[in-house]
PDB file of N, CA and C in Angstrom:
ATOM      1  N   MET A   1     112.437  93.940  80.157  1.00  0.00           N
ATOM      2  CA  MET A   1     112.013  94.999  80.946  1.00  0.00           C
ATOM      3  C   MET A   1     113.227  94.746  81.888  1.00  0.00           C
ATOM      4  N   THR A   2     113.473  96.063  82.446  1.00  0.00           N
ATOM      5  CA  THR A   2     114.726  96.479  83.343  1.00  0.00           C
ATOM      6  C   THR A   2     113.804  96.554  84.718  1.00  0.00           C
ATOM      7  N   ARG A   3     114.203  96.140  85.733  1.00  0.00           N
ATOM      8  CA  ARG A   3     113.942  96.359  86.969  1.00  0.00           C
ATOM      9  C   ARG A   3     114.876  97.178  87.687  1.00  0.00           C
ATOM     10  N   THR A   4     114.212  97.842  88.613  1.00  0.00           N
ATOM     11  CA  THR A   4     114.830  99.223  89.515  1.00  0.00           C
ATOM     12  C   THR A   4     114.408  99.031  90.636  1.00  0.00           C
ATOM     13  N   THR A   5     115.356  99.134  91.651  1.00  0.00           N
ATOM     14  CA  THR A   5     114.637  98.961  92.702  1.00  0.00           C
ATOM     15  C   THR A   5     114.554 100.338  93.674  1.00  0.00           C
ATOM     16  N   VAL A   6     114.122 100.142  95.015  1.00  0.00           N
ATOM     17  CA  VAL A   6     113.587 101.385  95.741  1.00  0.00           C
ATOM     18  C   VAL A   6     114.142 101.182  97.190  1.00  0.00           C
ATOM     19  N   THR A   7     115.110 101.847  97.720  1.00  0.00           N
ATOM     20  CA  THR A   7     115.611 101.824  99.034  1.00  0.00           C
ATOM     21  C   THR A   7     114.881 103.110  99.778  1.00  0.00           C
ATOM     22  N   ALA A   8     114.117 103.040 100.907  1.00  0.00           N
ATOM     23  CA  ALA A   8     113.420 104.246 101.483  1.00  0.00           C
ATOM     24  C   ALA A   8     114.515 104.488 103.016  1.00  0.00           C
ATOM     25  N   PRO A   9     115.071 105.294 103.052  1.00  0.00           N
ATOM     26  CA  PRO A   9     115.749 105.638 104.141  1.00  0.00           C
ATOM     27  C   PRO A   9     114.637 105.559 105.498  1.00  0.00           C
ATOM     28  N   SER A  10     113.653 106.106 104.924  1.00  0.00           N
ATOM     29  CA  SER A  10     112.979 106.494 106.651  1.00  0.00           C
ATOM     30  C   SER A  10     112.053 105.042 106.727  1.00  0.00           C
ATOM     31  N   ALA A  11     112.536 103.838 106.188  1.00  0.00           N
ATOM     32  CA  ALA A  11     111.723 102.761 106.206  1.00  0.00           C
ATOM     33  C   ALA A  11     112.461 101.879 106.988  1.00  0.00           C
ATOM     34  N   PRO A  12     112.240 100.830 107.872  1.00  0.00           N
ATOM     35  CA  PRO A  12     113.236  99.864 108.442  1.00  0.00           C
ATOM     36  C   PRO A  12     114.052  99.123 107.396  1.00  0.00           C
ATOM     37  N   ALA A  13     115.815  99.257 108.159  1.00  0.00           N
ATOM     38  CA  ALA A  13     116.623  98.507 106.737  1.00  0.00           C
ATOM     39  C   ALA A  13     115.905  96.732 106.554  1.00  0.00           C
ATOM     40  N   ALA A  14     116.060  96.317 105.742  1.00  0.00           N
ATOM     41  CA  ALA A  14     115.777  95.213 105.131  1.00  0.00           C
ATOM     42  C   ALA A  14     116.188  94.036 106.086  1.00  0.00           C
ATOM     43  N   VAL A  15     115.869  92.939 106.069  1.00  0.00           N
ATOM     44  CA  VAL A  15     116.852  92.217 107.442  1.00  0.00           C
ATOM     45  C   VAL A  15     117.057  91.186 106.560  1.00  0.00           C
ATOM     46  N   GLY A  16     117.241  90.992 105.681  1.00  0.00           N
ATOM     47  CA  GLY A  16     117.707  89.879 104.377  1.00  0.00           C
ATOM     48  C   GLY A  16     118.067  90.248 102.954  1.00  0.00           C
ATOM     49  N   PRO A  17     118.361  89.666 102.194  1.00  0.00           N
ATOM     50  CA  PRO A  17     118.708  89.944 100.658  1.00  0.00           C
ATOM     51  C   PRO A  17     117.771  90.534 100.010  1.00  0.00           C
ATOM     52  N   TYR A  18     117.170  91.595 100.122  1.00  0.00           N
ATOM     53  CA  TYR A  18     115.938  91.983  99.160  1.00  0.00           C
ATOM     54  C   TYR A  18     115.647  93.669  99.164  1.00  0.00           C
ATOM     55  N   SER A  19     115.275  93.883  98.615  1.00  0.00           N
ATOM     56  CA  SER A  19     114.859  95.678  98.204  1.00  0.00           C
ATOM     57  C   SER A  19     113.559  95.789  98.853  1.00  0.00           C
ATOM     58  N   HIS A  20     113.427  96.941  99.421  1.00  0.00           N
ATOM     59  CA  HIS A  20     112.397  97.555  99.794  1.00  0.00           C
ATOM     60  C   HIS A  20     111.338  97.443  98.513  1.00  0.00           C
ATOM     61  N   ALA A  21     111.644  97.659  97.508  1.00  0.00           N
ATOM     62  CA  ALA A  21     110.788  97.319  96.236  1.00  0.00           C
ATOM     63  C   ALA A  21     111.327  97.176  95.378  1.00  0.00           C
ATOM     64  N   ALA A  22     110.752  97.234  94.470  1.00  0.00           N
ATOM     65  CA  ALA A  22     111.246  97.014  92.781  1.00  0.00           C
ATOM     66  C   ALA A  22     110.205  97.117  91.780  1.00  0.00           C
ATOM     67  N   THR A  23     110.405  97.815  90.599  1.00  0.00           N
ATOM     68  CA  THR A  23     109.687  97.991  89.837  1.00  0.00           C
ATOM     69  C   THR A  23     110.018  97.418  88.323  1.00  0.00           C
ATOM     70  N   ALA A  24     108.544  96.980  87.362  1.00  0.00           N
ATOM     71  CA  ALA A  24     108.725  96.544  86.461  1.00  0.00           C
ATOM     72  C   ALA A  24     107.539  96.676  85.948  1.00  0.00           C
ATOM     73  N   GLY A  25     107.204  96.838  84.451  1.00  0.00           N
ATOM     74  CA  GLY A  25     106.370  96.917  83.699  1.00  0.00           C
ATOM     75  C   GLY A  25     104.942  98.081  84.354  1.00  0.00           C
ATOM     76  N   GLY A  26     105.770  99.038  84.957  1.00  0.00           N
ATOM     77  CA  GLY A  26     104.497  99.954  85.525  1.00  0.00           C
ATOM     78  C   GLY A  26     104.023  99.750  87.007  1.00  0.00           C
ATOM     79  N   LEU A  27     104.563  98.555  87.520  1.00  0.00           N
ATOM     80  CA  LEU A  27     103.815  98.354  88.678  1.00  0.00           C
ATOM     81  C   LEU A  27     105.339  98.420  89.640  1.00  0.00           C
ATOM     82  N   LEU A  28     104.967  99.022  90.975  1.00  0.00           N
ATOM     83  CA  LEU A  28     105.944  98.321  92.200  1.00  0.00           C
ATOM     84  C   LEU A  28     105.627  97.408  93.034  1.00  0.00           C
ATOM     85  N   PHE A  29     106.083  96.562  92.981  1.00  0.00           N
ATOM     86  CA  PHE A  29     106.162  95.560  94.006  1.00  0.00           C
ATOM     87  C   PHE A  29     106.991  95.914  95.062  1.00  0.00           C
ATOM     88  N   LEU A  30     106.171  96.219  96.404  1.00  0.00           N
ATOM     89  CA  LEU A  30     106.641  96.419  98.083  1.00  0.00           C
ATOM     90  C   LEU A  30     106.896  94.988  98.622  1.00  0.00           C
ATOM     91  N   SER A  31     107.840  95.066  99.082  1.00  0.00           N
ATOM     92  CA  SER A  31     108.600  93.653  99.983  1.00  0.00           C
ATOM     93  C   SER A  31     107.654  93.931 101.019  1.00  0.00           C
ATOM     94  N   GLY A  32     107.211  92.899 102.181  1.00  0.00           N
ATOM     95  CA  GLY A  32     106.468  92.985 103.265  1.00  0.00           C
ATOM     96  C   GLY A  32     107.188  93.568 104.656  1.00  0.00           C
ATOM     97  N   GLN A  33     106.243  94.331 104.784  1.00  0.00           N
ATOM     98  CA  GLN A  33     106.999  95.182 105.944  1.00  0.00           C
ATOM     99  C   GLN A  33     106.188  94.512 107.097  1.00  0.00           C
ATOM    100  N   THR A  34     107.223  94.458 108.292  1.00  0.00           N
ATOM    101  CA  THR A  34     106.722  94.012 109.546  1.00  0.00           C
ATOM    102  C   THR A  34     106.588  95.198 110.495  1.00  0.00           C
ATOM    103  N   PRO A  35     106.400  95.239 111.662  1.00  0.00           N
ATOM    104  CA  PRO A  35     105.765  96.601 112.770  1.00  0.00           C
ATOM    105  C   PRO A  35     107.319  96.747 113.170  1.00  0.00           C
ATOM    106  N   ILE A  36     108.357  96.970 112.546  1.00  0.00           N
ATOM    107  CA  ILE A  36     109.438  97.282 113.282  1.00  0.00           C
ATOM    108  C   ILE A  36     109.710  99.054 112.967  1.00  0.00           C
ATOM    109  N   ASP A  37     110.015  99.339 114.350  1.00  0.00           N
ATOM    110  CA  ASP A  37     110.060 100.638 114.480  1.00  0.00           C
ATOM    111  C   ASP A  37     111.408 101.229 113.584  1.00  0.00           C
ATOM    112  N   PRO A  38     111.638 101.710 112.701  1.00  0.00           N
ATOM    113  CA  PRO A  38     112.735 102.666 111.916  1.00  0.00           C
ATOM    114  C   PRO A  38     113.966 103.183 112.987  1.00  0.00           C
ATOM    115  N   THR A  39     113.401 103.421 113.422  1.00  0.00           N
ATOM    116  CA  THR A  39     114.591 104.537 114.237  1.00  0.00           C
ATOM    117  C   THR A  39     115.112 103.394 115.373  1.00  0.00           C
ATOM    118  N   THR A  40     114.686 102.459 115.961  1.00  0.00           N
ATOM    119  CA  THR A  40     115.349 101.470 116.976  1.00  0.00           C
ATOM    120  C   THR A  40     115.546 100.065 116.073  1.00  0.00           C
ATOM    121  N   GLY A  41     114.870  99.895 115.359  1.00  0.00           N
ATOM    122  CA  GLY A  41     115.300  98.263 114.152  1.00  0.00           C
ATOM    123  C   GLY A  41     114.382  97.208 115.143  1.00  0.00           C
ATOM    124  N   ARG A  42     113.673  97.728 116.186  1.00  0.00           N
ATOM    125  CA  ARG A  42     113.065  96.543 116.977  1.00  0.00           C
ATOM    126  C   ARG A  42     111.658  96.280 116.789  1.00  0.00           C
ATOM    127  N   LEU A  43     111.121  95.271 116.919  1.00  0.00           N
ATOM    128  CA  LEU A  43     109.533  95.336 116.938  1.00  0.00           C
ATOM    129  C   LEU A  43     109.013  96.119 117.931  1.00  0.00           C
ATOM    130  N   VAL A  44     108.186  97.062 117.185  1.00  0.00           N
ATOM    131  CA  VAL A  44     106.957  97.747 118.466  1.00  0.00           C
ATOM    132  C   VAL A  44     106.422  96.875 119.458  1.00  0.00           C
ATOM    133  N   ASP A  45     106.020  97.092 120.429  1.00  0.00           N
ATOM    134  CA  ASP A  45     105.479  96.914 121.395  1.00  0.00           C
ATOM    135  C   ASP A  45     103.759  97.285 121.242  1.00  0.00           C
ATOM    136  N   GLY A  46     102.911  96.055 121.414  1.00  0.00           N
ATOM    137  CA  GLY A  46     101.617  96.487 121.066  1.00  0.00           C
ATOM    138  C   GLY A  46     100.758  95.560 120.657  1.00  0.00           C
ATOM    139  N   ASP A  47      99.799  95.498 120.774  1.00  0.00           N
ATOM    140  CA  ASP A  47      98.444  94.475 120.069  1.00  0.00           C
ATOM    141  C   ASP A  47      98.564  94.637 118.626  1.00  0.00           C
ATOM    142  N   VAL A  48      98.038  93.815 118.050  1.00  0.00           N
ATOM    143  CA  VAL A  48      97.937  94.095 116.344  1.00  0.00           C
ATOM    144  C   VAL A  48      97.549  94.760 115.754  1.00  0.00           C
ATOM    145  N   ALA A  49      96.640  95.785 116.417  1.00  0.00           N
ATOM    146  CA  ALA A  49      96.181  97.068 115.701  1.00  0.00           C
ATOM    147  C   ALA A  49      97.392  97.964 115.630  1.00  0.00           C
ATOM    148  N   VAL A  50      98.226  98.137 116.837  1.00  0.00           N
ATOM    149  CA  VAL A  50      99.529  98.631 116.862  1.00  0.00           C
ATOM    150  C   VAL A  50     100.388  98.539 116.003  1.00  0.00           C
ATOM    151  N   GLN A  51     100.750  96.869 115.669  1.00  0.00           N
ATOM    152  CA  GLN A  51     101.511  96.178 114.874  1.00  0.00           C
ATOM    153  C   GLN A  51     101.050  96.306 113.539  1.00  0.00           C
ATOM    154  N   THR A  52      99.823  96.355 113.171  1.00  0.00           N
ATOM    155  CA  THR A  52      99.539  96.391 111.751  1.00  0.00           C
ATOM    156  C   THR A  52      99.609  98.236 111.435  1.00  0.00           C
ATOM    157  N   ARG A  53      99.379  99.164 112.019  1.00  0.00           N
ATOM    158  CA  ARG A  53      99.583 100.846 111.911  1.00  0.00           C
ATOM    159  C   ARG A  53     100.892 100.885 111.525  1.00  0.00           C
ATOM    160  N   ARG A  54     102.127 100.153 112.417  1.00  0.00           N
ATOM    161  CA  ARG A  54     103.743 100.576 112.044  1.00  0.00           C
ATOM    162  C   ARG A  54     104.062  99.680 110.667  1.00  0.00           C
ATOM    163  N   ALA A  55     103.383  98.529 110.710  1.00  0.00           N
ATOM    164  CA  ALA A  55     104.094  97.811 109.639  1.00  0.00           C
ATOM    165  C   ALA A  55     103.314  98.814 108.072  1.00  0.00           C
ATOM    166  N   LEU A  56     101.856  99.501 108.252  1.00  0.00           N
ATOM    167  CA  LEU A  56     101.334 100.083 107.366  1.00  0.00           C
ATOM    168  C   LEU A  56     102.230 101.272 107.073  1.00  0.00           C
ATOM    169  N   ASP A  57     102.684 102.066 108.058  1.00  0.00           N
ATOM    170  CA  ASP A  57     103.241 103.277 108.273  1.00  0.00           C
ATOM    171  C   ASP A  57     104.872 103.027 107.268  1.00  0.00           C
ATOM    172  N   ASN A  58     105.321 101.620 107.490  1.00  0.00           N
ATOM    173  CA  ASN A  58     106.635 101.145 106.877  1.00  0.00           C
ATOM    174  C   ASN A  58     106.687 100.965 105.385  1.00  0.00           C
ATOM    175  N   LEU A  59     105.429 100.712 105.262  1.00  0.00           N
ATOM    176  CA  LEU A  59     105.077 100.432 103.572  1.00  0.00           C
ATOM    177  C   LEU A  59     104.842 101.793 102.900  1.00  0.00           C
ATOM    178  N   ASP A  60     104.113 102.656 103.972  1.00  0.00           N
ATOM    179  CA  ASP A  60     103.728 104.138 102.984  1.00  0.00           C
ATOM    180  C   ASP A  60     105.088 104.536 102.678  1.00  0.00           C
ATOM    181  N   ALA A  61     106.259 104.488 104.333  1.00  0.00           N
ATOM    182  CA  ALA A  61     107.611 105.254 103.722  1.00  0.00           C
ATOM    183  C   ALA A  61     108.509 104.740 102.493  1.00  0.00           C
ATOM    184  N   VAL A  62     108.165 103.511 102.191  1.00  0.00           N
ATOM    185  CA  VAL A  62     108.921 102.700 100.899  1.00  0.00           C
ATOM    186  C   VAL A  62     107.895 103.402  99.873  1.00  0.00           C
ATOM    187  N   LEU A  63     106.377 103.419 100.112  1.00  0.00           N
ATOM    188  CA  LEU A  63     105.784 103.945  98.520  1.00  0.00           C
ATOM    189  C   LEU A  63     106.393 105.732  98.335  1.00  0.00           C
ATOM    190  N   ARG A  64     106.491 106.250  99.482  1.00  0.00           N
ATOM    191  CA  ARG A  64     106.696 107.718  99.396  1.00  0.00           C
ATOM    192  C   ARG A  64     108.270 107.503  98.692  1.00  0.00           C
ATOM    193  N   ALA A  65     109.070 106.894  99.015  1.00  0.00           N
ATOM    194  CA  ALA A  65     110.532 106.883  98.511  1.00  0.00           C
ATOM    195  C   ALA A  65     110.168 106.510  97.306  1.00  0.00           C
ATOM    196  N   ALA A  66     109.731 105.911  96.632  1.00  0.00           N
ATOM    197  CA  ALA A  66     109.239 105.801  95.420  1.00  0.00           C
ATOM    198  C   ALA A  66     108.681 106.587  94.430  1.00  0.00           C
ATOM    199  N   GLY A  67     107.780 107.720  95.197  1.00  0.00           N
ATOM    200  CA  GLY A  67     107.314 108.526  94.241  1.00  0.00           C
ATOM    201  C   GLY A  67     105.950 108.606  94.322  1.00  0.00           C
ATOM    202  N   GLY A  68     105.336 107.597  95.575  1.00  0.00           N
ATOM    203  CA  GLY A  68     103.877 107.548  95.491  1.00  0.00           C
ATOM    204  C   GLY A  68     103.371 107.757  96.799  1.00  0.00           C
ATOM    205  N   GLY A  69     102.215 106.966  97.119  1.00  0.00           N
ATOM    206  CA  GLY A  69     101.393 106.756  98.252  1.00  0.00           C
ATOM    207  C   GLY A  69     100.900 105.726  98.422  1.00  0.00           C
ATOM    208  N   LEU A  70      99.859 105.810  99.521  1.00  0.00           N
ATOM    209  CA  LEU A  70      98.687 104.843  99.691  1.00  0.00           C
ATOM    210  C   LEU A  70      97.810 104.756  98.683  1.00  0.00           C
ATOM    211  N   ASP A  71      97.540 105.901  98.177  1.00  0.00           N
ATOM    212  CA  ASP A  71      96.255 105.834  97.168  1.00  0.00           C
ATOM    213  C   ASP A  71      96.488 105.367  95.857  1.00  0.00           C
ATOM    214  N   ASP A  72      97.949 104.620  95.701  1.00  0.00           N
ATOM    215  CA  ASP A  72      98.218 104.447  94.775  1.00  0.00           C
ATOM    216  C   ASP A  72      98.202 102.582  94.491  1.00  0.00           C
ATOM    217  N   VAL A  73      98.151 102.394  95.675  1.00  0.00           N
ATOM    218  CA  VAL A  73      98.131 100.595  95.868  1.00  0.00           C
ATOM    219  C   VAL A  73      96.946 100.078  95.343  1.00  0.00           C
ATOM    220  N   VAL A  74      97.297  99.038  94.557  1.00  0.00           N
ATOM    221  CA  VAL A  74      96.281  98.320  93.987  1.00  0.00           C
ATOM    222  C   VAL A  74      95.538  96.952  94.739  1.00  0.00           C
ATOM    223  N   LYS A  75      96.682  96.671  95.117  1.00  0.00           N
ATOM    224  CA  LYS A  75      96.881  95.163  95.857  1.00  0.00           C
ATOM    225  C   LYS A  75      97.587  94.844  97.200  1.00  0.00           C
ATOM    226  N   VAL A  76      96.708  94.470  98.010  1.00  0.00           N
ATOM    227  CA  VAL A  76      97.449  94.227  99.472  1.00  0.00           C
ATOM    228  C   VAL A  76      97.253  93.055 100.004  1.00  0.00           C
ATOM    229  N   ASN A  77      98.558  92.093 100.292  1.00  0.00           N
ATOM    230  CA  ASN A  77      98.593  90.737 101.196  1.00  0.00           C
ATOM    231  C   ASN A  77      98.949  91.148 102.490  1.00  0.00           C
ATOM    232  N   VAL A  78      98.177  90.350 103.308  1.00  0.00           N
ATOM    233  CA  VAL A  78      98.348  90.664 104.712  1.00  0.00           C
ATOM    234  C   VAL A  78      98.677  89.408 105.573  1.00  0.00           C
ATOM    235  N   TYR A  79      99.467  89.056 106.112  1.00  0.00           N
ATOM    236  CA  TYR A  79      99.496  87.970 106.777  1.00  0.00           C
ATOM    237  C   TYR A  79      99.643  87.983 108.132  1.00  0.00           C
ATOM    238  N   LEU A  80      98.856  87.329 108.698  1.00  0.00           N
ATOM    239  CA  LEU A  80      98.536  87.255 110.102  1.00  0.00           C
ATOM    240  C   LEU A  80      99.191  85.897 110.953  1.00  0.00           C
ATOM    241  N   THR A  81     100.060  86.054 112.051  1.00  0.00           N
ATOM    242  CA  THR A  81     100.016  84.652 112.671  1.00  0.00           C
ATOM    243  C   THR A  81      98.632  84.041 113.317  1.00  0.00           C
ATOM    244  N   SER A  82      97.760  84.813 113.666  1.00  0.00           N
ATOM    245  CA  SER A  82      96.554  84.192 114.052  1.00  0.00           C
ATOM    246  C   SER A  82      95.712  84.759 113.537  1.00  0.00           C
ATOM    247  N   MET A  83      94.184  84.147 112.781  1.00  0.00           N
ATOM    248  CA  MET A  83      93.230  85.060 112.396  1.00  0.00           C
ATOM    249  C   MET A  83      92.231  85.415 113.332  1.00  0.00           C
ATOM    250  N   ASP A  84      92.462  85.025 114.547  1.00  0.00           N
ATOM    251  CA  ASP A  84      91.590  85.936 115.865  1.00  0.00           C
ATOM    252  C   ASP A  84      92.019  87.224 115.941  1.00  0.00           C
ATOM    253  N   ASP A  85      93.355  87.692 115.448  1.00  0.00           N
ATOM    254  CA  ASP A  85      93.724  89.230 114.805  1.00  0.00           C
ATOM    255  C   ASP A  85      92.941  89.890 113.918  1.00  0.00           C
ATOM    256  N   PHE A  86      92.254  88.784 112.934  1.00  0.00           N
ATOM    257  CA  PHE A  86      91.715  89.926 111.866  1.00  0.00           C
ATOM    258  C   PHE A  86      90.871  91.068 112.390  1.00  0.00           C
ATOM    259  N   ALA A  87      89.974  91.197 113.120  1.00  0.00           N
ATOM    260  CA  ALA A  87      89.326  92.378 113.388  1.00  0.00           C
ATOM    261  C   ALA A  87      89.860  93.428 113.608  1.00  0.00           C
ATOM    262  N   ALA A  88      90.770  93.065 114.523  1.00  0.00           N
ATOM    263  CA  ALA A  88      91.968  94.537 114.949  1.00  0.00           C
ATOM    264  C   ALA A  88      92.719  94.862 113.791  1.00  0.00           C
ATOM    265  N   MET A  89      93.166  93.832 112.885  1.00  0.00           N
ATOM    266  CA  MET A  89      94.059  94.260 111.889  1.00  0.00           C
ATOM    267  C   MET A  89      93.565  95.112 111.185  1.00  0.00           C
ATOM    268  N   ASN A  90      91.993  94.840 110.295  1.00  0.00           N
ATOM    269  CA  ASN A  90      91.161  95.011 109.786  1.00  0.00           C
ATOM    270  C   ASN A  90      90.869  96.654 109.913  1.00  0.00           C
ATOM    271  N   GLN A  91      90.184  96.600 111.301  1.00  0.00           N
ATOM    272  CA  GLN A  91      90.074  98.469 111.793  1.00  0.00           C
ATOM    273  C   GLN A  91      91.407  99.015 111.589  1.00  0.00           C
ATOM    274  N   ALA A  92      92.711  98.833 111.947  1.00  0.00           N
ATOM    275  CA  ALA A  92      93.574  99.586 111.767  1.00  0.00           C
ATOM    276  C   ALA A  92      93.915  99.695 109.880  1.00  0.00           C
ATOM    277  N   TYR A  93      93.681  98.923 109.224  1.00  0.00           N
ATOM    278  CA  TYR A  93      93.450  98.964 107.792  1.00  0.00           C
ATOM    279  C   TYR A  93      92.811  99.801 107.174  1.00  0.00           C
ATOM    280  N   ALA A  94      91.752  99.848 108.075  1.00  0.00           N
ATOM    281  CA  ALA A  94      90.521 100.726 107.392  1.00  0.00           C
ATOM    282  C   ALA A  94      90.853 101.938 107.952  1.00  0.00           C
ATOM    283  N   ASP A  95      91.665 102.302 108.822  1.00  0.00           N
ATOM    284  CA  ASP A  95      91.803 103.742 109.382  1.00  0.00           C
ATOM    285  C   ASP A  95      92.979 104.299 108.204  1.00  0.00           C
ATOM    286  N   VAL A  96      93.695 103.686 107.811  1.00  0.00           N
ATOM    287  CA  VAL A  96      94.760 104.022 106.630  1.00  0.00           C
ATOM    288  C   VAL A  96      94.233 104.138 105.182  1.00  0.00           C
ATOM    289  N   PHE A  97      93.713 102.912 105.089  1.00  0.00           N
ATOM    290  CA  PHE A  97      93.217 102.778 103.311  1.00  0.00           C
ATOM    291  C   PHE A  97      91.891 103.501 103.129  1.00  0.00           C
ATOM    292  N   THR A  98      91.392 104.247 102.163  1.00  0.00           N
ATOM    293  CA  THR A  98      90.726 104.923 101.839  1.00  0.00           C
ATOM    294  C   THR A  98      89.771 104.527 100.583  1.00  0.00           C
ATOM    295  N   GLU A  99      88.258 104.477 100.689  1.00  0.00           N
ATOM    296  CA  GLU A  99      87.564 103.855  99.462  1.00  0.00           C
ATOM    297  C   GLU A  99      88.512 104.591  97.977  1.00  0.00           C
ATOM    298  N   PRO A 100      88.097 104.222  96.843  1.00  0.00           N
ATOM    299  CA  PRO A 100      88.032 102.589  96.937  1.00  0.00           C
ATOM    300  C   PRO A 100      89.375 102.272  97.117  1.00  0.00           C
ATOM    301  N   PHE A 101      89.195 100.951  97.906  1.00  0.00           N
ATOM    302  CA  PHE A 101      89.840 100.054  98.475  1.00  0.00           C
ATOM    303  C   PHE A 101      90.929  99.415  97.760  1.00  0.00           C
ATOM    304  N   PRO A 102      91.926  98.983  97.821  1.00  0.00           N
ATOM    305  CA  PRO A 102      92.505  98.146  96.787  1.00  0.00           C
ATOM    306  C   PRO A 102      92.339  96.724  97.355  1.00  0.00           C
ATOM    307  N   ALA A 103      92.512  95.881  96.213  1.00  0.00           N
ATOM    308  CA  ALA A 103      92.053  94.423  96.532  1.00  0.00           C
ATOM    309  C   ALA A 103      93.174  93.932  97.439  1.00  0.00           C
ATOM    310  N   ARG A 104      92.480  93.002  98.469  1.00  0.00           N
ATOM    311  CA  ARG A 104      93.310  92.726  99.531  1.00  0.00           C
ATOM    312  C   ARG A 104      93.376  90.978  99.842  1.00  0.00           C
ATOM    313  N   THR A 105      94.086  90.361 100.123  1.00  0.00           N
ATOM    314  CA  THR A 105      94.267  88.804 100.283  1.00  0.00           C
ATOM    315  C   THR A 105      94.424  89.130 102.107  1.00  0.00           C
ATOM    316  N   THR A 106      94.203  88.238 102.646  1.00  0.00           N
ATOM    317  CA  THR A 106      94.531  88.273 104.230  1.00  0.00           C
ATOM    318  C   THR A 106      94.634  86.533 104.370  1.00  0.00           C
ATOM    319  N   VAL A 107      95.979  85.868 105.093  1.00  0.00           N
ATOM    320  CA  VAL A 107      95.990  84.934 105.265  1.00  0.00           C
ATOM    321  C   VAL A 107      96.939  84.484 106.724  1.00  0.00           C
ATOM    322  N   ALA A 108      96.409  83.412 107.411  1.00  0.00           N
ATOM    323  CA  ALA A 108      97.250  83.293 108.429  1.00  0.00           C
ATOM    324  C   ALA A 108      98.488  82.451 108.204  1.00  0.00           C
ATOM    325  N   VAL A 109      99.303  82.633 108.995  1.00  0.00           N
ATOM    326  CA  VAL A 109     100.826  82.148 108.666  1.00  0.00           C
ATOM    327  C   VAL A 109     101.473  81.788 109.805  1.00  0.00           C
ATOM    328  N   ALA A 110     102.149  80.433 109.985  1.00  0.00           N
ATOM    329  CA  ALA A 110     102.823  79.807 111.163  1.00  0.00           C
ATOM    330  C   ALA A 110     103.691  80.643 111.856  1.00  0.00           C
ATOM    331  N   GLY A 111     104.462  81.658 110.864  1.00  0.00           N
ATOM    332  CA  GLY A 111     105.133  82.670 111.704  1.00  0.00           C
ATOM    333  C   GLY A 111     105.561  83.503 111.039  1.00  0.00           C
ATOM    334  N   LEU A 112     106.213  84.605 111.619  1.00  0.00           N
ATOM    335  CA  LEU A 112     106.717  85.920 110.796  1.00  0.00           C
ATOM    336  C   LEU A 112     108.130  86.220 111.319  1.00  0.00           C
ATOM    337  N   PRO A 113     108.783  86.575 110.717  1.00  0.00           N
ATOM    338  CA  PRO A 113     110.220  87.465 111.282  1.00  0.00           C
ATOM    339  C   PRO A 113     110.235  88.203 112.529  1.00  0.00           C
ATOM    340  N   LEU A 114     111.073  87.968 113.022  1.00  0.00           N
ATOM    341  CA  LEU A 114     111.276  88.309 114.749  1.00  0.00           C
ATOM    342  C   LEU A 114     109.642  88.601 115.635  1.00  0.00           C
ATOM    343  N   GLY A 115     108.899  87.452 115.431  1.00  0.00           N
ATOM    344  CA  GLY A 115     108.251  87.423 115.880  1.00  0.00           C
ATOM    345  C   GLY A 115     106.983  88.613 115.813  1.00  0.00           C
ATOM    346  N   ALA A 116     106.955  88.631 114.645  1.00  0.00           N
ATOM    347  CA  ALA A 116     106.007  90.062 114.115  1.00  0.00           C
ATOM    348  C   ALA A 116     104.592  89.191 114.247  1.00  0.00           C
ATOM    349  N   ARG A 117     103.528  89.874 114.629  1.00  0.00           N
ATOM    350  CA  ARG A 117     102.006  89.218 114.427  1.00  0.00           C
ATOM    351  C   ARG A 117     101.355  89.486 112.965  1.00  0.00           C
ATOM    352  N   VAL A 118     101.981  90.352 112.262  1.00  0.00           N
ATOM    353  CA  VAL A 118     101.277  90.753 110.867  1.00  0.00           C
ATOM    354  C   VAL A 118     102.793  91.191 110.266  1.00  0.00           C
ATOM    355  N   GLU A 119     102.040  91.050 109.052  1.00  0.00           N
ATOM    356  CA  GLU A 119     103.131  91.796 107.878  1.00  0.00           C
ATOM    357  C   GLU A 119     102.430  92.024 106.469  1.00  0.00           C
ATOM    358  N   VAL A 120     102.895  93.151 106.264  1.00  0.00           N
ATOM    359  CA  VAL A 120     101.710  93.660 104.926  1.00  0.00           C
ATOM    360  C   VAL A 120     102.867  94.259 103.996  1.00  0.00           C
ATOM    361  N   GLU A 121     102.058  93.457 102.433  1.00  0.00           N
ATOM    362  CA  GLU A 121     103.040  93.442 101.306  1.00  0.00           C
ATOM    363  C   GLU A 121     101.878  94.349 100.687  1.00  0.00           C
ATOM    364  N   ALA A 122     102.335  94.955  99.018  1.00  0.00           N
ATOM    365  CA  ALA A 122     101.835  95.613  98.491  1.00  0.00           C
ATOM    366  C   ALA A 122     101.986  95.705  97.028  1.00  0.00           C
ATOM    367  N   VAL A 123     101.099  95.873  95.969  1.00  0.00           N
ATOM    368  CA  VAL A 123     101.687  96.231  94.637  1.00  0.00           C
ATOM    369  C   VAL A 123     100.986  97.446  94.249  1.00  0.00           C
ATOM    370  N   ALA A 124     101.493  98.620  93.783  1.00  0.00           N
ATOM    371  CA  ALA A 124     101.085  99.984  93.317  1.00  0.00           C
ATOM    372  C   ALA A 124     101.632 100.084  92.148  1.00  0.00           C
ATOM    373  N   ALA A 125     100.560 101.092  91.806  1.00  0.00           N
ATOM    374  CA  ALA A 125     100.739 101.422  90.161  1.00  0.00           C
ATOM    375  C   ALA A 125     101.354 103.096  90.230  1.00  0.00           C
ATOM    376  N   ILE A 126     102.352 102.680  89.934  1.00  0.00           N
ATOM    377  CA  ILE A 126     103.109 104.572  90.205  1.00  0.00           C
ATOM    378  C   ILE A 126     103.994 104.689  88.627  1.00  0.00           C
ATOM    379  N   ASP A 127     103.585 106.270  88.421  1.00  0.00           N
ATOM    380  CA  ASP A 127     104.293 106.809  87.028  1.00  0.00           C
ATOM    381  C   ASP A 127     105.469 107.000  87.592  1.00  0.00           C
ATOM    382  N   ARG A 128     106.565 106.625  86.879  1.00  0.00           N
ATOM    383  CA  ARG A 128     108.015 107.062  87.045  1.00  0.00           C
ATOM    384  C   ARG A 128     108.687 107.679  86.236  1.00  0.00           C
TER     385      ARG A 128
END
């Protein structure tokens, strides 16, 4: 199986040795997106709802660069630095994804890059 990668010019640059996304077996595996503003390269100011929305916008930019969109997402993993932020993240998430919703896991983690409060990664099914 051949792996191909995706680079999204309108998403924040990767902050490490990884691709925005990689394809294998008809699936697109998207690297986690944090709430970095792609124009400034800095974490956005705001609560977890604002940060969730920015992370999802970044994820959507990678999906679009791969020829897809949010409707192609089949699985999402959300990482929060505090489960106290779950309700606000969940509302921002529900504002972006529509039914039928993709499968999702949400977990609390000790920390995220650059002090982000949320990171979102996904798997999408995209015909390329």
